[in-house]
Protein backbone atom coordinates (compact mmCIF):
# COMPACT_ATOMS: atom_id res chain seq x y z
CA UNK A 1 160.24 55.41 97.26
CA UNK A 2 159.40 57.06 93.94
CA UNK A 3 161.45 59.70 92.20
CA UNK A 4 160.42 61.76 89.24
CA UNK A 5 162.66 63.98 87.21
CA UNK A 6 164.86 64.46 84.18
CA UNK A 7 167.86 62.08 83.66
CA UNK A 8 170.40 64.41 85.29
CA UNK A 9 168.27 64.79 88.40
CA UNK A 10 167.73 60.99 88.61
CA UNK A 11 171.47 60.32 88.23
CA UNK A 12 172.09 62.41 91.30
CA UNK A 13 169.42 60.39 93.23
CA UNK A 14 170.83 56.97 92.03
CA UNK A 15 174.38 58.10 93.02
CA UNK A 16 173.25 58.16 96.59
CA UNK A 17 171.27 54.96 96.54
CA UNK A 18 172.46 51.62 98.06
CA UNK A 19 174.81 50.08 95.56
CA UNK A 20 173.88 46.47 96.54
CA UNK A 21 170.15 46.89 95.49
CA UNK A 22 168.59 46.61 92.07
CA UNK A 23 166.44 49.49 90.90
CA UNK A 24 163.79 49.84 88.14
CA UNK A 25 163.65 52.99 85.94
CA UNK A 26 160.66 53.66 83.63
CA UNK A 27 159.29 56.64 81.83
CA UNK A 28 156.73 58.58 83.71
CA UNK A 29 153.34 59.10 81.95
CA UNK A 30 150.58 61.28 83.19
CA UNK A 31 147.24 59.62 84.03
CA UNK A 32 144.12 61.18 82.91
CA UNK A 33 142.29 63.52 85.26
CA UNK A 34 138.95 63.27 87.03
CA UNK A 35 137.26 65.74 84.65
CA UNK A 36 138.18 63.57 81.68
CA UNK A 37 136.96 60.55 83.39
CA UNK A 38 133.61 62.16 84.34
CA UNK A 39 133.13 63.35 80.81
CA UNK A 40 133.95 59.97 79.36
CA UNK A 41 131.28 58.19 81.60
CA UNK A 42 128.70 60.98 81.02
CA UNK A 43 129.00 60.65 77.17
CA UNK A 44 129.13 56.90 77.43
CA UNK A 45 125.79 57.03 79.37
CA UNK A 46 124.20 59.27 76.82
CA UNK A 47 125.35 57.21 73.90
CA UNK A 48 124.17 54.06 75.74
CA UNK A 49 120.61 55.51 75.99
CA UNK A 50 120.47 56.41 72.33
CA UNK A 51 121.83 53.11 71.08
CA UNK A 52 119.89 51.12 73.68
CA UNK A 53 122.93 49.29 74.83
CA UNK A 54 124.03 48.55 78.35
CA UNK A 55 126.71 50.95 79.45
CA UNK A 56 129.21 48.21 80.40
CA UNK A 57 128.69 46.44 77.04
CA UNK A 58 129.14 49.79 75.24
CA UNK A 59 132.27 50.58 77.37
CA UNK A 60 133.67 47.23 76.32
CA UNK A 61 132.91 48.00 72.69
CA UNK A 62 134.73 51.34 73.01
CA UNK A 63 137.79 49.61 74.44
CA UNK A 64 137.75 47.15 71.54
CA UNK A 65 137.59 49.94 69.09
CA UNK A 66 139.95 52.52 70.69
CA UNK A 67 142.07 51.02 73.52
CA UNK A 68 145.38 49.16 73.52
CA UNK A 69 145.05 45.52 72.53
CA UNK A 70 147.31 42.61 73.12
CA UNK A 71 147.19 39.06 71.86
CA UNK A 72 147.96 36.12 74.04
CA UNK A 73 148.04 32.29 73.62
CA UNK A 74 146.54 30.29 76.43
CA UNK A 75 147.10 26.39 76.61
CA UNK A 76 144.10 24.15 75.90
CA UNK A 77 141.48 24.24 78.49
CA UNK A 78 143.12 26.81 80.78
CA UNK A 79 140.59 29.25 82.21
CA UNK A 80 141.39 32.99 81.99
CA UNK A 81 141.16 34.74 85.30
CA UNK A 82 142.13 38.22 86.59
CA UNK A 83 141.74 39.90 83.15
CA UNK A 84 138.91 42.31 82.93
CA UNK A 85 138.39 42.78 79.18
CA UNK A 86 139.17 40.06 76.70
CA UNK A 87 137.72 38.33 73.74
CA UNK A 88 138.24 34.73 72.55
CA UNK A 89 139.47 34.83 68.90
CA UNK A 90 140.52 31.40 67.66
CA UNK A 91 142.14 28.07 68.42
CA UNK A 92 145.52 27.12 66.98
CA UNK A 93 147.80 24.10 67.26
CA UNK A 94 151.44 24.79 67.86
CA UNK A 95 154.10 22.03 68.40
CA UNK A 96 151.27 19.47 68.64
CA UNK A 97 149.48 21.36 71.54
CA UNK A 98 146.17 23.34 71.25
CA UNK A 99 146.06 27.01 72.33
CA UNK A 100 143.32 29.45 72.42
CA UNK A 101 144.04 33.00 71.08
CA UNK A 102 142.69 35.84 73.14
CA UNK A 103 142.70 39.59 72.54
CA UNK A 104 143.27 41.48 75.80
CA UNK A 105 142.02 45.00 76.02
CA UNK A 106 143.61 47.58 78.45
CA UNK A 107 140.96 48.88 80.86
CA UNK A 108 140.44 52.66 80.72
CA UNK A 109 141.69 53.23 84.26
CA UNK A 110 145.12 51.88 83.10
CA UNK A 111 145.44 54.17 80.05
CA UNK A 112 147.91 57.01 80.14
CA UNK A 113 146.87 60.42 78.92
CA UNK A 114 147.63 59.91 75.30
CA UNK A 115 145.96 56.53 75.21
CA UNK A 116 142.84 57.87 77.03
CA UNK A 117 142.67 60.65 74.52
CA UNK A 118 142.35 58.22 71.65
CA UNK A 119 139.52 56.39 73.55
CA UNK A 120 137.84 59.78 74.39
CA UNK A 121 138.06 61.02 70.85
CA UNK A 122 136.57 57.81 69.51
CA UNK A 123 133.70 58.19 71.96
CA UNK A 124 133.12 61.83 70.97
CA UNK A 125 133.07 60.92 67.23
CA UNK A 126 130.57 58.20 67.89
CA UNK A 127 128.41 60.57 69.99
CA UNK A 128 128.50 63.23 67.27
CA UNK A 129 127.27 60.61 64.72
CA UNK A 130 124.25 60.16 66.93
CA UNK A 131 123.64 63.91 67.36
CA UNK A 132 124.77 64.04 70.98
CA UNK A 133 126.22 67.28 72.29
CA UNK A 134 129.73 66.42 73.46
CA UNK A 135 130.65 69.67 75.14
CA UNK A 136 131.25 69.68 78.85
CA UNK A 137 129.22 71.88 81.16
CA UNK A 138 132.11 74.34 81.26
CA UNK A 139 132.40 74.36 77.52
CA UNK A 140 128.58 75.02 77.14
CA UNK A 141 128.78 77.75 79.68
CA UNK A 142 131.70 79.43 77.85
CA UNK A 143 129.95 79.07 74.47
CA UNK A 144 126.73 80.72 75.94
CA UNK A 145 128.79 83.64 77.29
CA UNK A 146 130.27 84.41 73.96
CA UNK A 147 126.98 83.88 71.98
């Protein structure tokens, strides 16, 4: 069961919950909407054509430049599985054991609204540098009406 609300509302809900159970509380963050997602992939496709780079490769490049990044240490010859976007950075020896340092990039579908906004703004700036019109169809229509 999921509840959303301000702290006072949640206190009321918690008061009625089973006292023997353990509960997790975390801040609610909005996800991006479908229009933002569609605009991102449309612009990414256009930039991909201009730069002559595959769309997945360009998407990974955008994530590296504008997404959340984490660094992890993985023991020796351990193979990374289940992580979508990562990059091997270096090898280090710690306490006599060898580790590989990886940068892990948060996939766009896991970004909250603020994080996705940073990714989108970075893409828009890169599109503008290539002379790509970054307005959505609705924005173009509105601009044409006022012209």
